[in-house]
Amino acid sequence: MKPLSRVRVLAMLAAMAMPLALFAHTPLKSSAPADGATVTELFAIAMEFSGPVRLVRVRVMQGEVEIPAGFVVSRTPAATYTIPVPAAPAGEIVVEWAAISADGHTVSDRFSFHLDPGTAAAAGN
């Protein structure tokens, strides 16, 4: 039996990796506030994805309570979204989201941050 040539090995690896690329999803690239951040005020949540997605769900939660937000299901794909949050109480805020990526698969995740208006007052002392 002959050993496989480098070209054949590379061709086989490329062929195996191709299906993975075809099914790649579009993850959240960044958010503002960032995951794990502490902020002193909150007017909106910005989300940037690694490519265009249709954002189909956003829930802004504090514990078991949903905080009203100005989220509207997107009809056209975009890479960035801004969701108004008119009145969020201080504390730990969790943002749960779901998006349909270009490959048609639904991607969902969550991130959290802490809203602490008192941090600004303490910094000013």
C-alpha atoms as a PDB file:
ATOM      1  CA  MET A   1       0.000   0.000   0.000  1.00  0.00           C
ATOM      2  CA  LYS A   2       1.398   3.410  -1.000  1.00  0.00           C
ATOM      3  CA  PRO A   3       1.504   6.297   1.450  1.00  0.00           C
ATOM      4  CA  LEU A   4      -0.812   9.153   0.549  1.00  0.00           C
ATOM      5  CA  SER A   5       0.831  12.109  -1.103  1.00  0.00           C
ATOM      6  CA  ARG A   6       0.657  15.518   0.556  1.00  0.00           C
ATOM      7  CA  VAL A   7      -1.588  16.776  -2.226  1.00  0.00           C
ATOM      8  CA  ARG A   8      -4.079  13.961  -1.645  1.00  0.00           C
ATOM      9  CA  VAL A   9      -4.053  14.542   2.108  1.00  0.00           C
ATOM     10  CA  LEU A  10      -4.653  18.285   1.621  1.00  0.00           C
ATOM     11  CA  ALA A  11      -7.434  17.579  -0.885  1.00  0.00           C
ATOM     12  CA  MET A  12      -9.134  15.199   1.559  1.00  0.00           C
ATOM     13  CA  LEU A  13      -8.875  17.714   4.412  1.00  0.00           C
ATOM     14  CA  ALA A  14     -10.319  20.463   2.209  1.00  0.00           C
ATOM     15  CA  ALA A  15     -13.194  18.204   1.157  1.00  0.00           C
ATOM     16  CA  MET A  16     -13.980  17.374   4.778  1.00  0.00           C
ATOM     17  CA  ALA A  17     -13.864  21.049   5.825  1.00  0.00           C
ATOM     18  CA  MET A  18     -16.119  22.245   2.988  1.00  0.00           C
ATOM     19  CA  PRO A  19     -19.387  20.972   4.514  1.00  0.00           C
ATOM     20  CA  LEU A  20     -18.474  22.723   7.763  1.00  0.00           C
ATOM     21  CA  ALA A  21     -18.106  26.025   5.918  1.00  0.00           C
ATOM     22  CA  LEU A  22     -21.428  25.525   4.165  1.00  0.00           C
ATOM     23  CA  PHE A  23     -23.203  25.141   7.497  1.00  0.00           C
ATOM     24  CA  ALA A  24     -21.391  27.950   9.295  1.00  0.00           C
ATOM     25  CA  HIS A  25     -23.725  30.171  11.274  1.00  0.00           C
ATOM     26  CA  THR A  26     -23.480  33.908  11.783  1.00  0.00           C
ATOM     27  CA  PRO A  27     -22.575  34.577  15.416  1.00  0.00           C
ATOM     28  CA  LEU A  28     -22.882  37.764  17.431  1.00  0.00           C
ATOM     29  CA  LYS A  29     -19.639  39.681  16.918  1.00  0.00           C
ATOM     30  CA  SER A  30     -20.140  42.342  19.608  1.00  0.00           C
ATOM     31  CA  SER A  31     -22.729  44.072  21.727  1.00  0.00           C
ATOM     32  CA  ALA A  32     -23.024  47.360  23.560  1.00  0.00           C
ATOM     33  CA  PRO A  33     -23.188  47.010  26.471  1.00  0.00           C
ATOM     34  CA  ALA A  34     -20.656  44.214  26.163  1.00  0.00           C
ATOM     35  CA  ASP A  35     -21.122  40.854  27.831  1.00  0.00           C
ATOM     36  CA  GLY A  36     -20.037  41.163  31.456  1.00  0.00           C
ATOM     37  CA  ALA A  37     -19.825  44.980  31.425  1.00  0.00           C
ATOM     38  CA  THR A  38     -21.114  47.365  34.073  1.00  0.00           C
ATOM     39  CA  VAL A  39     -22.850  50.459  32.712  1.00  0.00           C
ATOM     40  CA  THR A  40     -24.223  53.542  34.436  1.00  0.00           C
ATOM     41  CA  GLU A  41     -27.070  54.173  31.983  1.00  0.00           C
ATOM     42  CA  LEU A  42     -28.966  52.298  29.314  1.00  0.00           C
ATOM     43  CA  PHE A  43     -30.987  53.767  26.463  1.00  0.00           C
ATOM     44  CA  ALA A  44     -30.447  51.085  23.828  1.00  0.00           C
ATOM     45  CA  ILE A  45     -28.724  47.784  23.146  1.00  0.00           C
ATOM     46  CA  ALA A  46     -26.570  47.546  20.020  1.00  0.00           C
ATOM     47  CA  MET A  47     -25.801  44.183  18.450  1.00  0.00           C
ATOM     48  CA  GLU A  48     -23.319  43.523  15.642  1.00  0.00           C
ATOM     49  CA  PHE A  49     -23.214  40.148  13.896  1.00  0.00           C
ATOM     50  CA  SER A  50     -20.394  38.728  11.778  1.00  0.00           C
ATOM     51  CA  GLY A  51     -22.676  39.005   8.731  1.00  0.00           C
ATOM     52  CA  PRO A  52     -26.266  39.838   7.788  1.00  0.00           C
ATOM     53  CA  VAL A  53     -28.967  38.069   9.813  1.00  0.00           C
ATOM     54  CA  ARG A  54     -32.689  38.472  10.390  1.00  0.00           C
ATOM     55  CA  LEU A  55     -33.090  39.212  14.077  1.00  0.00           C
ATOM     56  CA  VAL A  56     -36.288  37.405  15.084  1.00  0.00           C
ATOM     57  CA  ARG A  57     -36.274  37.575  18.888  1.00  0.00           C
ATOM     58  CA  VAL A  58     -34.841  39.825  21.554  1.00  0.00           C
ATOM     59  CA  ARG A  59     -35.890  39.552  25.180  1.00  0.00           C
ATOM     60  CA  VAL A  60     -34.398  41.898  27.741  1.00  0.00           C
ATOM     61  CA  MET A  61     -34.744  40.224  31.117  1.00  0.00           C
ATOM     62  CA  GLN A  62     -34.064  40.959  34.762  1.00  0.00           C
ATOM     63  CA  GLY A  63     -34.505  37.691  36.564  1.00  0.00           C
ATOM     64  CA  GLU A  64     -37.889  36.328  35.465  1.00  0.00           C
ATOM     65  CA  VAL A  65     -39.220  39.782  34.508  1.00  0.00           C
ATOM     66  CA  GLU A  66     -39.124  40.936  30.890  1.00  0.00           C
ATOM     67  CA  ILE A  67     -38.137  44.583  30.483  1.00  0.00           C
ATOM     68  CA  PRO A  68     -40.077  46.363  27.718  1.00  0.00           C
ATOM     69  CA  ALA A  69     -37.848  47.075  24.725  1.00  0.00           C
ATOM     70  CA  GLY A  70     -38.487  48.515  21.271  1.00  0.00           C
ATOM     71  CA  PHE A  71     -37.648  45.320  19.389  1.00  0.00           C
ATOM     72  CA  VAL A  72     -39.311  44.687  16.024  1.00  0.00           C
ATOM     73  CA  VAL A  73     -38.711  41.456  14.073  1.00  0.00           C
ATOM     74  CA  SER A  74     -36.534  42.285  11.074  1.00  0.00           C
ATOM     75  CA  ARG A  75     -37.829  41.565   7.581  1.00  0.00           C
ATOM     76  CA  THR A  76     -34.514  42.120   5.828  1.00  0.00           C
ATOM     77  CA  PRO A  77     -31.094  40.866   6.917  1.00  0.00           C
ATOM     78  CA  ALA A  78     -28.641  43.311   8.486  1.00  0.00           C
ATOM     79  CA  ALA A  79     -25.368  42.966  10.376  1.00  0.00           C
ATOM     80  CA  THR A  80     -26.167  45.604  13.024  1.00  0.00           C
ATOM     81  CA  TYR A  81     -29.239  46.293  15.125  1.00  0.00           C
ATOM     82  CA  THR A  82     -30.110  48.849  17.789  1.00  0.00           C
ATOM     83  CA  ILE A  83     -32.934  48.028  20.197  1.00  0.00           C
ATOM     84  CA  PRO A  84     -34.285  50.911  22.303  1.00  0.00           C
ATOM     85  CA  VAL A  85     -34.703  50.177  26.002  1.00  0.00           C
ATOM     86  CA  PRO A  86     -36.618  53.139  27.448  1.00  0.00           C
ATOM     87  CA  ALA A  87     -36.690  52.155  31.125  1.00  0.00           C
ATOM     88  CA  ALA A  88     -34.509  49.456  32.648  1.00  0.00           C
ATOM     89  CA  PRO A  89     -34.142  49.078  36.405  1.00  0.00           C
ATOM     90  CA  ALA A  90     -30.716  48.772  38.024  1.00  0.00           C
ATOM     91  CA  GLY A  91     -29.347  45.261  38.335  1.00  0.00           C
ATOM     92  CA  GLU A  92     -28.259  42.324  36.224  1.00  0.00           C
ATOM     93  CA  ILE A  93     -29.735  42.487  32.700  1.00  0.00           C
ATOM     94  CA  VAL A  94     -29.805  39.436  30.418  1.00  0.00           C
ATOM     95  CA  VAL A  95     -30.407  39.805  26.680  1.00  0.00           C
ATOM     96  CA  GLU A  96     -31.705  36.654  24.993  1.00  0.00           C
ATOM     97  CA  TRP A  97     -31.710  36.757  21.200  1.00  0.00           C
ATOM     98  CA  ALA A  98     -32.387  34.611  18.141  1.00  0.00           C
ATOM     99  CA  ALA A  99     -31.495  35.299  14.519  1.00  0.00           C
ATOM    100  CA  ILE A 100     -31.828  33.508  11.216  1.00  0.00           C
ATOM    101  CA  SER A 101     -28.451  33.455   9.498  1.00  0.00           C
ATOM    102  CA  ALA A 102     -27.787  33.464   5.758  1.00  0.00           C
ATOM    103  CA  ASP A 103     -27.682  29.661   5.693  1.00  0.00           C
ATOM    104  CA  GLY A 104     -31.271  29.578   6.974  1.00  0.00           C
ATOM    105  CA  HIS A 105     -30.423  28.189  10.399  1.00  0.00           C
ATOM    106  CA  THR A 106     -31.577  29.832  13.597  1.00  0.00           C
ATOM    107  CA  VAL A 107     -28.796  30.928  15.913  1.00  0.00           C
ATOM    108  CA  SER A 108     -29.590  31.923  19.483  1.00  0.00           C
ATOM    109  CA  ASP A 109     -27.625  32.973  22.522  1.00  0.00           C
ATOM    110  CA  ARG A 110     -27.601  35.406  25.390  1.00  0.00           C
ATOM    111  CA  PHE A 111     -25.327  37.951  27.003  1.00  0.00           C
ATOM    112  CA  SER A 112     -25.587  39.886  30.222  1.00  0.00           C
ATOM    113  CA  PHE A 113     -24.380  43.090  31.809  1.00  0.00           C
ATOM    114  CA  HIS A 114     -24.957  45.034  35.010  1.00  0.00           C
ATOM    115  CA  LEU A 115     -26.799  48.364  35.108  1.00  0.00           C
ATOM    116  CA  ASP A 116     -25.545  50.400  38.075  1.00  0.00           C
ATOM    117  CA  PRO A 117     -26.418  54.120  37.937  1.00  0.00           C
ATOM    118  CA  GLY A 118     -24.682  54.572  41.308  1.00  0.00           C
ATOM    119  CA  THR A 119     -21.298  53.853  39.715  1.00  0.00           C
ATOM    120  CA  ALA A 120     -21.296  57.293  38.038  1.00  0.00           C
ATOM    121  CA  ALA A 121     -22.040  59.070  41.331  1.00  0.00           C
ATOM    122  CA  ALA A 122     -19.285  57.161  43.122  1.00  0.00           C
ATOM    123  CA  ALA A 123     -16.803  58.003  40.350  1.00  0.00           C
ATOM    124  CA  GLY A 124     -17.648  61.705  40.669  1.00  0.00           C
ATOM    125  CA  ASN A 125     -16.757  61.849  44.400  1.00  0.00           C
END
